């Protein structure tokens, strides 16, 4: 199988992948709202509970892909006790448990690691760091960057590439690694094309490789388009994309 076909199949699998359910446990309504909304915007289904008892009750009927829990919880048991309960139950012991907490006590962290937690994050963790960890825990082909569903004006091509001129199109998804452009004029696979993206009035420039393209009634959206991977992009422009994605993910939700 050619490497380009492998890339095509992996990328398509990433677009069409299963929506995973996360169990979020915290005694703070503010935290549950913030992380619940953000994780939903990252294409996860989120079940929120405020106590270990309520979380375990949920797991009796619907097993999550990952449990994320704080240490302080409502009820009689804390997050460490919840972790111990999950890892001690043969039905649940393979479920990754991520500690998402404001606790800074090194001894508590050591206890959680000894009990088998998959990761420890402070509540001010950057969304992309938590996302990468979640992806690595549950996906066979994890994404390395957050992919944001959006609608952004993109100028694709110039006189040096197939098509002969620049076209104004719209990207329906963007990440630090590339974007998906819906277009009636997809370029051939493996073509290298310049792209210009307008982010909040600032133009980001890159050269991108066409990983795959779809004709009418094909692909995940049943519309013609192409998936592009950034091959040449400055660190500053990649940072602008990362900041834009974070801003959009956290829009209208308080932390």
C-alpha atoms as a PDB file:
ATOM      1  CA  UNK A   1       0.000   0.000   0.000  1.00  0.00           C
ATOM      2  CA  UNK A   2       1.421   3.410  -0.946  1.00  0.00           C
ATOM      3  CA  UNK A   3       2.253   5.944   1.791  1.00  0.00           C
ATOM      4  CA  UNK A   4      -0.163   8.456   0.248  1.00  0.00           C
ATOM      5  CA  UNK A   5      -3.014   5.954   0.460  1.00  0.00           C
ATOM      6  CA  UNK A   6      -2.130   5.208   4.078  1.00  0.00           C
ATOM      7  CA  UNK A   7      -2.254   8.934   4.846  1.00  0.00           C
ATOM      8  CA  UNK A   8      -5.615   9.177   3.095  1.00  0.00           C
ATOM      9  CA  UNK A   9      -7.112   6.314   5.102  1.00  0.00           C
ATOM     10  CA  UNK A  10      -5.729   7.543   8.415  1.00  0.00           C
ATOM     11  CA  UNK A  11      -7.014  11.043   7.795  1.00  0.00           C
ATOM     12  CA  UNK A  12     -10.465   9.804   6.834  1.00  0.00           C
ATOM     13  CA  UNK A  13     -10.531   7.634   9.949  1.00  0.00           C
ATOM     14  CA  UNK A  14      -9.723  10.721  12.032  1.00  0.00           C
ATOM     15  CA  UNK A  15     -12.640  12.639  10.501  1.00  0.00           C
ATOM     16  CA  UNK A  16     -15.185   9.837  10.978  1.00  0.00           C
ATOM     17  CA  UNK A  17     -14.014   8.472  14.335  1.00  0.00           C
ATOM     18  CA  UNK A  18     -16.349   7.403  17.123  1.00  0.00           C
ATOM     19  CA  UNK A  19     -17.476   9.983  19.657  1.00  0.00           C
ATOM     20  CA  UNK A  20     -16.059   8.968  23.056  1.00  0.00           C
ATOM     21  CA  UNK A  21     -17.833   9.446  26.389  1.00  0.00           C
ATOM     22  CA  UNK A  22     -15.932  11.075  29.246  1.00  0.00           C
ATOM     23  CA  UNK A  23     -17.029  11.000  32.883  1.00  0.00           C
ATOM     24  CA  UNK A  24     -16.145  14.314  34.552  1.00  0.00           C
ATOM     25  CA  UNK A  25     -16.253  14.368  38.375  1.00  0.00           C
ATOM     26  CA  UNK A  26     -15.852  17.577  40.392  1.00  0.00           C
ATOM     27  CA  UNK A  27     -17.572  19.246  43.333  1.00  0.00           C
ATOM     28  CA  UNK A  28     -17.490  22.660  41.633  1.00  0.00           C
ATOM     29  CA  UNK A  29     -20.382  23.574  39.333  1.00  0.00           C
ATOM     30  CA  UNK A  30     -18.152  26.182  37.676  1.00  0.00           C
ATOM     31  CA  UNK A  31     -15.479  23.608  36.861  1.00  0.00           C
ATOM     32  CA  UNK A  32     -18.058  21.123  35.576  1.00  0.00           C
ATOM     33  CA  UNK A  33     -19.502  23.775  33.284  1.00  0.00           C
ATOM     34  CA  UNK A  34     -16.140  25.022  31.968  1.00  0.00           C
ATOM     35  CA  UNK A  35     -14.514  21.672  31.272  1.00  0.00           C
ATOM     36  CA  UNK A  36     -17.793  20.068  30.247  1.00  0.00           C
ATOM     37  CA  UNK A  37     -18.379  22.713  27.567  1.00  0.00           C
ATOM     38  CA  UNK A  38     -14.773  22.694  26.409  1.00  0.00           C
ATOM     39  CA  UNK A  39     -14.627  18.910  26.108  1.00  0.00           C
ATOM     40  CA  UNK A  40     -17.895  18.898  24.166  1.00  0.00           C
ATOM     41  CA  UNK A  41     -16.370  21.415  21.775  1.00  0.00           C
ATOM     42  CA  UNK A  42     -13.541  18.917  21.331  1.00  0.00           C
ATOM     43  CA  UNK A  43     -16.131  16.391  20.083  1.00  0.00           C
ATOM     44  CA  UNK A  44     -16.456  14.347  23.258  1.00  0.00           C
ATOM     45  CA  UNK A  45     -19.696  13.372  24.977  1.00  0.00           C
ATOM     46  CA  UNK A  46     -19.472  14.431  28.636  1.00  0.00           C
ATOM     47  CA  UNK A  47     -21.305  13.076  31.670  1.00  0.00           C
ATOM     48  CA  UNK A  48     -20.804  15.306  34.742  1.00  0.00           C
ATOM     49  CA  UNK A  49     -21.121  14.250  38.398  1.00  0.00           C
ATOM     50  CA  UNK A  50     -20.201  15.897  41.703  1.00  0.00           C
ATOM     51  CA  UNK A  51     -19.465  12.862  43.879  1.00  0.00           C
ATOM     52  CA  UNK A  52     -17.631   9.547  43.700  1.00  0.00           C
ATOM     53  CA  UNK A  53     -20.846   7.755  44.609  1.00  0.00           C
ATOM     54  CA  UNK A  54     -22.752   9.306  41.695  1.00  0.00           C
ATOM     55  CA  UNK A  55     -19.864   8.591  39.312  1.00  0.00           C
ATOM     56  CA  UNK A  56     -19.736   4.910  40.284  1.00  0.00           C
ATOM     57  CA  UNK A  57     -23.490   4.640  39.907  1.00  0.00           C
ATOM     58  CA  UNK A  58     -23.237   5.948  36.345  1.00  0.00           C
ATOM     59  CA  UNK A  59     -20.492   3.442  35.549  1.00  0.00           C
ATOM     60  CA  UNK A  60     -22.791   0.572  36.496  1.00  0.00           C
ATOM     61  CA  UNK A  61     -24.886   1.257  33.395  1.00  0.00           C
ATOM     62  CA  UNK A  62     -22.619   3.218  31.001  1.00  0.00           C
ATOM     63  CA  UNK A  63     -18.864   2.669  30.961  1.00  0.00           C
ATOM     64  CA  UNK A  64     -16.935   5.821  29.931  1.00  0.00           C
ATOM     65  CA  UNK A  65     -13.804   5.877  27.795  1.00  0.00           C
ATOM     66  CA  UNK A  66     -11.987   8.001  30.415  1.00  0.00           C
ATOM     67  CA  UNK A  67     -12.757   9.288  33.917  1.00  0.00           C
ATOM     68  CA  UNK A  68     -11.505  12.781  34.822  1.00  0.00           C
ATOM     69  CA  UNK A  69     -11.732  13.635  38.506  1.00  0.00           C
ATOM     70  CA  UNK A  70     -10.692  16.286  41.005  1.00  0.00           C
ATOM     71  CA  UNK A  71      -9.455  15.259  44.460  1.00  0.00           C
ATOM     72  CA  UNK A  72     -12.032  17.147  46.615  1.00  0.00           C
ATOM     73  CA  UNK A  73     -15.524  15.822  45.808  1.00  0.00           C
ATOM     74  CA  UNK A  74     -18.976  16.064  47.310  1.00  0.00           C
ATOM     75  CA  UNK A  75     -20.043  13.113  49.469  1.00  0.00           C
ATOM     76  CA  UNK A  76     -18.003  10.793  51.654  1.00  0.00           C
ATOM     77  CA  UNK A  77     -15.265   9.811  49.178  1.00  0.00           C
ATOM     78  CA  UNK A  78     -12.673  11.940  47.436  1.00  0.00           C
ATOM     79  CA  UNK A  79     -10.990  11.509  44.044  1.00  0.00           C
ATOM     80  CA  UNK A  80      -8.262   9.283  45.441  1.00  0.00           C
ATOM     81  CA  UNK A  81     -10.906   6.917  46.848  1.00  0.00           C
ATOM     82  CA  UNK A  82     -12.718   6.984  43.489  1.00  0.00           C
ATOM     83  CA  UNK A  83      -9.507   6.099  41.688  1.00  0.00           C
ATOM     84  CA  UNK A  84      -8.842   3.232  44.116  1.00  0.00           C
ATOM     85  CA  UNK A  85     -12.401   1.934  43.685  1.00  0.00           C
ATOM     86  CA  UNK A  86     -12.156   1.970  39.882  1.00  0.00           C
ATOM     87  CA  UNK A  87      -8.765   0.291  39.772  1.00  0.00           C
ATOM     88  CA  UNK A  88      -9.879  -2.313  42.296  1.00  0.00           C
ATOM     89  CA  UNK A  89     -12.923  -3.367  40.289  1.00  0.00           C
ATOM     90  CA  UNK A  90     -12.176  -5.959  37.546  1.00  0.00           C
ATOM     91  CA  UNK A  91     -14.964  -4.451  35.407  1.00  0.00           C
ATOM     92  CA  UNK A  92     -13.452  -0.972  35.413  1.00  0.00           C
ATOM     93  CA  UNK A  93      -9.736  -1.317  36.117  1.00  0.00           C
ATOM     94  CA  UNK A  94      -8.760  -0.803  32.451  1.00  0.00           C
ATOM     95  CA  UNK A  95     -10.560   2.548  32.236  1.00  0.00           C
ATOM     96  CA  UNK A  96      -7.994   5.386  32.294  1.00  0.00           C
ATOM     97  CA  UNK A  97      -8.445   7.812  35.187  1.00  0.00           C
ATOM     98  CA  UNK A  98      -7.053  11.331  34.767  1.00  0.00           C
ATOM     99  CA  UNK A  99      -6.667  13.575  37.804  1.00  0.00           C
ATOM    100  CA  UNK A 100      -7.746  17.120  36.868  1.00  0.00           C
ATOM    101  CA  UNK A 101      -7.238  19.040  40.069  1.00  0.00           C
ATOM    102  CA  UNK A 102      -6.192  22.183  41.911  1.00  0.00           C
ATOM    103  CA  UNK A 103      -4.451  20.056  44.569  1.00  0.00           C
ATOM    104  CA  UNK A 104      -0.669  20.591  44.611  1.00  0.00           C
ATOM    105  CA  UNK A 105       0.301  18.144  47.369  1.00  0.00           C
ATOM    106  CA  UNK A 106       3.146  15.965  46.027  1.00  0.00           C
ATOM    107  CA  UNK A 107       2.243  13.116  48.400  1.00  0.00           C
ATOM    108  CA  UNK A 108      -1.311  12.978  47.034  1.00  0.00           C
ATOM    109  CA  UNK A 109       0.039  12.956  43.484  1.00  0.00           C
ATOM    110  CA  UNK A 110       2.397  10.090  44.400  1.00  0.00           C
ATOM    111  CA  UNK A 111      -0.529   8.136  45.885  1.00  0.00           C
ATOM    112  CA  UNK A 112      -2.564   8.591  42.689  1.00  0.00           C
ATOM    113  CA  UNK A 113       0.322   7.498  40.489  1.00  0.00           C
ATOM    114  CA  UNK A 114       0.873   4.446  42.688  1.00  0.00           C
ATOM    115  CA  UNK A 115      -2.822   3.560  42.385  1.00  0.00           C
ATOM    116  CA  UNK A 116      -2.601   3.750  38.604  1.00  0.00           C
ATOM    117  CA  UNK A 117      -3.881   7.117  37.425  1.00  0.00           C
ATOM    118  CA  UNK A 118      -3.169   7.721  33.740  1.00  0.00           C
ATOM    119  CA  UNK A 119      -2.172  11.372  34.158  1.00  0.00           C
ATOM    120  CA  UNK A 120      -2.179  14.304  36.574  1.00  0.00           C
ATOM    121  CA  UNK A 121      -3.102  17.804  35.379  1.00  0.00           C
ATOM    122  CA  UNK A 122      -3.716  21.064  37.178  1.00  0.00           C
ATOM    123  CA  UNK A 123      -7.011  22.774  36.378  1.00  0.00           C
ATOM    124  CA  UNK A 124      -5.207  25.509  34.474  1.00  0.00           C
ATOM    125  CA  UNK A 125      -3.794  23.014  31.973  1.00  0.00           C
ATOM    126  CA  UNK A 126      -3.741  24.171  28.364  1.00  0.00           C
ATOM    127  CA  UNK A 127      -6.568  22.516  26.387  1.00  0.00           C
ATOM    128  CA  UNK A 128      -4.188  21.119  23.776  1.00  0.00           C
ATOM    129  CA  UNK A 129      -2.104  19.294  26.414  1.00  0.00           C
ATOM    130  CA  UNK A 130      -5.170  17.624  27.928  1.00  0.00           C
ATOM    131  CA  UNK A 131      -6.567  16.860  24.468  1.00  0.00           C
ATOM    132  CA  UNK A 132      -3.350  15.169  23.359  1.00  0.00           C
ATOM    133  CA  UNK A 133      -3.355  12.991  26.472  1.00  0.00           C
ATOM    134  CA  UNK A 134      -6.994  11.988  26.001  1.00  0.00           C
ATOM    135  CA  UNK A 135      -6.324  11.135  22.382  1.00  0.00           C
ATOM    136  CA  UNK A 136      -3.337   8.973  23.304  1.00  0.00           C
ATOM    137  CA  UNK A 137      -5.401   7.103  25.900  1.00  0.00           C
ATOM    138  CA  UNK A 138      -8.360   6.119  23.728  1.00  0.00           C
ATOM    139  CA  UNK A 139      -7.506   6.379  20.024  1.00  0.00           C
ATOM    140  CA  UNK A 140      -5.548   3.895  17.912  1.00  0.00           C
ATOM    141  CA  UNK A 141      -4.437   6.804  15.696  1.00  0.00           C
ATOM    142  CA  UNK A 142      -4.434   9.810  18.050  1.00  0.00           C
ATOM    143  CA  UNK A 143      -4.550  13.346  16.746  1.00  0.00           C
ATOM    144  CA  UNK A 144      -1.597  15.452  17.850  1.00  0.00           C
ATOM    145  CA  UNK A 145      -3.453  18.761  17.549  1.00  0.00           C
ATOM    146  CA  UNK A 146      -6.934  20.026  18.353  1.00  0.00           C
ATOM    147  CA  UNK A 147      -9.107  20.232  15.240  1.00  0.00           C
ATOM    148  CA  UNK A 148     -11.590  23.106  15.375  1.00  0.00           C
ATOM    149  CA  UNK A 149     -14.755  23.019  13.285  1.00  0.00           C
ATOM    150  CA  UNK A 150     -15.081  26.487  11.824  1.00  0.00           C
ATOM    151  CA  UNK A 151     -15.729  28.590   8.723  1.00  0.00           C
ATOM    152  CA  UNK A 152     -12.671  30.585   7.686  1.00  0.00           C
ATOM    153  CA  UNK A 153     -11.841  32.404   4.480  1.00  0.00           C
ATOM    154  CA  UNK A 154      -8.819  30.790   2.820  1.00  0.00           C
ATOM    155  CA  UNK A 155      -6.980  31.791  -0.341  1.00  0.00           C
ATOM    156  CA  UNK A 156      -5.616  28.671  -1.990  1.00  0.00           C
ATOM    157  CA  UNK A 157      -3.038  28.535  -4.767  1.00  0.00           C
ATOM    158  CA  UNK A 158      -1.281  31.044  -7.009  1.00  0.00           C
ATOM    159  CA  UNK A 159       0.111  31.066 -10.523  1.00  0.00           C
ATOM    160  CA  UNK A 160       2.766  28.481  -9.609  1.00  0.00           C
ATOM    161  CA  UNK A 161       0.354  25.600  -8.928  1.00  0.00           C
ATOM    162  CA  UNK A 162      -2.286  23.582 -10.738  1.00  0.00           C
ATOM    163  CA  UNK A 163      -5.289  25.735 -11.576  1.00  0.00           C
ATOM    164  CA  UNK A 164      -3.164  28.731 -12.481  1.00  0.00           C
ATOM    165  CA  UNK A 165      -4.584  31.287 -10.036  1.00  0.00           C
ATOM    166  CA  UNK A 166      -5.523  31.908  -6.426  1.00  0.00           C
ATOM    167  CA  UNK A 167      -9.062  31.002  -5.344  1.00  0.00           C
ATOM    168  CA  UNK A 168     -10.996  32.201  -2.319  1.00  0.00           C
ATOM    169  CA  UNK A 169     -12.452  29.195  -0.497  1.00  0.00           C
ATOM    170  CA  UNK A 170     -13.612  28.343   3.009  1.00  0.00           C
ATOM    171  CA  UNK A 171     -12.009  25.993   5.535  1.00  0.00           C
ATOM    172  CA  UNK A 172     -14.467  23.958   7.612  1.00  0.00           C
ATOM    173  CA  UNK A 173     -11.812  22.632  10.015  1.00  0.00           C
ATOM    174  CA  UNK A 174      -8.388  23.855  11.138  1.00  0.00           C
ATOM    175  CA  UNK A 175      -5.605  22.640  13.421  1.00  0.00           C
ATOM    176  CA  UNK A 176      -1.971  23.531  13.995  1.00  0.00           C
ATOM    177  CA  UNK A 177      -1.161  20.777  11.522  1.00  0.00           C
ATOM    178  CA  UNK A 178      -3.453  21.666   8.619  1.00  0.00           C
ATOM    179  CA  UNK A 179      -6.995  22.319   7.477  1.00  0.00           C
ATOM    180  CA  UNK A 180      -9.906  20.957   5.473  1.00  0.00           C
ATOM    181  CA  UNK A 181     -11.056  23.150   2.581  1.00  0.00           C
ATOM    182  CA  UNK A 182     -14.433  22.737   0.919  1.00  0.00           C
ATOM    183  CA  UNK A 183     -13.979  23.561  -2.735  1.00  0.00           C
ATOM    184  CA  UNK A 184     -15.387  22.771  -6.157  1.00  0.00           C
ATOM    185  CA  UNK A 185     -11.785  22.691  -7.407  1.00  0.00           C
ATOM    186  CA  UNK A 186      -9.819  20.259  -5.220  1.00  0.00           C
ATOM    187  CA  UNK A 187      -6.189  19.941  -6.204  1.00  0.00           C
ATOM    188  CA  UNK A 188      -4.651  16.542  -6.876  1.00  0.00           C
ATOM    189  CA  UNK A 189      -3.286  14.422  -4.069  1.00  0.00           C
ATOM    190  CA  UNK A 190       0.349  15.231  -3.174  1.00  0.00           C
ATOM    191  CA  UNK A 191       0.177  18.690  -4.759  1.00  0.00           C
ATOM    192  CA  UNK A 192       1.970  21.430  -2.810  1.00  0.00           C
ATOM    193  CA  UNK A 193       0.052  24.692  -2.680  1.00  0.00           C
ATOM    194  CA  UNK A 194       0.332  28.060  -0.958  1.00  0.00           C
ATOM    195  CA  UNK A 195      -2.493  28.982   1.421  1.00  0.00           C
ATOM    196  CA  UNK A 196      -3.409  32.227   3.154  1.00  0.00           C
ATOM    197  CA  UNK A 197      -5.805  32.136   6.113  1.00  0.00           C
ATOM    198  CA  UNK A 198      -7.470  35.169   7.670  1.00  0.00           C
ATOM    199  CA  UNK A 199      -7.591  34.862  11.479  1.00  0.00           C
ATOM    200  CA  UNK A 200      -9.143  37.823  13.300  1.00  0.00           C
ATOM    201  CA  UNK A 201      -7.825  40.247  10.703  1.00  0.00           C
ATOM    202  CA  UNK A 202      -4.320  38.729  10.605  1.00  0.00           C
ATOM    203  CA  UNK A 203      -3.158  36.773   7.567  1.00  0.00           C
ATOM    204  CA  UNK A 204      -1.425  33.449   8.188  1.00  0.00           C
ATOM    205  CA  UNK A 205       0.665  32.070   5.327  1.00  0.00           C
ATOM    206  CA  UNK A 206       1.786  28.500   4.691  1.00  0.00           C
ATOM    207  CA  UNK A 207       2.608  25.989   2.017  1.00  0.00           C
ATOM    208  CA  UNK A 208       0.488  22.870   2.340  1.00  0.00           C
ATOM    209  CA  UNK A 209       0.471  19.353   0.947  1.00  0.00           C
ATOM    210  CA  UNK A 210      -2.792  17.892  -0.370  1.00  0.00           C
ATOM    211  CA  UNK A 211      -3.187  14.645   1.597  1.00  0.00           C
ATOM    212  CA  UNK A 212      -6.468  13.680  -0.031  1.00  0.00           C
ATOM    213  CA  UNK A 213      -9.261  15.182  -2.103  1.00  0.00           C
ATOM    214  CA  UNK A 214     -12.926  14.331  -2.608  1.00  0.00           C
ATOM    215  CA  UNK A 215     -15.273  14.776  -5.531  1.00  0.00           C
ATOM    216  CA  UNK A 216     -18.969  15.606  -5.289  1.00  0.00           C
ATOM    217  CA  UNK A 217     -20.965  13.192  -3.044  1.00  0.00           C
ATOM    218  CA  UNK A 218     -17.755  11.667  -1.648  1.00  0.00           C
ATOM    219  CA  UNK A 219     -15.911  11.961   1.638  1.00  0.00           C
ATOM    220  CA  UNK A 220     -17.221  12.687   5.150  1.00  0.00           C
ATOM    221  CA  UNK A 221     -19.174  15.787   4.124  1.00  0.00           C
ATOM    222  CA  UNK A 222     -20.495  14.481   0.777  1.00  0.00           C
ATOM    223  CA  UNK A 223     -19.076  17.643  -0.767  1.00  0.00           C
ATOM    224  CA  UNK A 224     -15.951  18.246  -2.835  1.00  0.00           C
ATOM    225  CA  UNK A 225     -12.959  19.329  -0.808  1.00  0.00           C
ATOM    226  CA  UNK A 226      -9.403  18.535   0.211  1.00  0.00           C
ATOM    227  CA  UNK A 227      -7.390  17.895   3.340  1.00  0.00           C
ATOM    228  CA  UNK A 228      -4.193  19.934   3.599  1.00  0.00           C
ATOM    229  CA  UNK A 229      -1.151  19.382   5.813  1.00  0.00           C
ATOM    230  CA  UNK A 230       1.085  22.356   6.561  1.00  0.00           C
ATOM    231  CA  UNK A 231       4.571  21.647   5.201  1.00  0.00           C
ATOM    232  CA  UNK A 232       6.060  25.139   5.543  1.00  0.00           C
ATOM    233  CA  UNK A 233       4.757  27.551   8.183  1.00  0.00           C
ATOM    234  CA  UNK A 234       6.523  29.937  10.556  1.00  0.00           C
ATOM    235  CA  UNK A 235       6.497  29.349  14.296  1.00  0.00           C
ATOM    236  CA  UNK A 236       4.713  32.671  14.706  1.00  0.00           C
ATOM    237  CA  UNK A 237       1.919  31.724  12.305  1.00  0.00           C
ATOM    238  CA  UNK A 238       1.510  28.312  13.946  1.00  0.00           C
ATOM    239  CA  UNK A 239       1.247  30.089  17.302  1.00  0.00           C
ATOM    240  CA  UNK A 240      -1.460  32.382  15.882  1.00  0.00           C
ATOM    241  CA  UNK A 241      -3.450  29.316  14.838  1.00  0.00           C
ATOM    242  CA  UNK A 242      -3.035  27.768  18.310  1.00  0.00           C
ATOM    243  CA  UNK A 243      -4.202  30.962  20.031  1.00  0.00           C
ATOM    244  CA  UNK A 244      -7.166  31.294  17.657  1.00  0.00           C
ATOM    245  CA  UNK A 245      -8.254  27.724  18.384  1.00  0.00           C
ATOM    246  CA  UNK A 246      -7.958  28.246  22.154  1.00  0.00           C
ATOM    247  CA  UNK A 247      -9.945  31.489  21.950  1.00  0.00           C
ATOM    248  CA  UNK A 248     -12.734  29.813  19.993  1.00  0.00           C
ATOM    249  CA  UNK A 249     -12.820  26.780  22.294  1.00  0.00           C
ATOM    250  CA  UNK A 250     -13.147  28.922  25.422  1.00  0.00           C
ATOM    251  CA  UNK A 251     -15.491  31.546  23.981  1.00  0.00           C
ATOM    252  CA  UNK A 252     -18.351  32.428  26.364  1.00  0.00           C
ATOM    253  CA  UNK A 253     -17.281  30.022  29.114  1.00  0.00           C
ATOM    254  CA  UNK A 254     -15.643  31.225  32.336  1.00  0.00           C
ATOM    255  CA  UNK A 255     -12.826  29.322  34.022  1.00  0.00           C
END
